[in-house]
Amino acid sequence: MTSPLLPAIHHVALICSDYARSKAFYSETLGFRIIREVHREARNSWKLDLEVSPGVSLELFSFPQPPPRPSRPEAQGLRHLAFAVPDIDAVVATLHDRGVACEPIRVDEYTGRRFTFFADPDGLPIELYEQ
């Protein structure tokens, strides 16, 4: 059941350390469609909107010298970004062919669903969760 107050996620925003590298990773390697790309001159910053699925987008930002994100061991804040996939083996094989290393596939002890993780160019953990 969805929340009547907050029924859907509209977007997730990420700040990257190397805009060109992250743009290529999310649009070419992962295959998200570019909706728009804007250079914000006053901030010396790029903003890239990518379509994840109908009505859900990923915003990729660049800023001059952003501080690194604590990632591991577990740090407070965003833990990871997760994507639902129908066939985890096929997605892992495609990512492998595109040069992306995934962790071994595991099984969620509570749901029985299979999942794995890989990292974006800045080390952000990304989960694949088999539906």
Foldseek 3Di string as FASTA:
>chain_A
DADPVQRDAQEAEDEDADVVQLCCCVCPLVNWAWPDWDQDVVQRKIWTWTDPDVRYIYIYMYGPDDDADDAPPHDPDDPAAEDEDADPVVSCVSSVVVVWDKDDWDADPPPRWIKIWTAGPSRGIYMYTHD
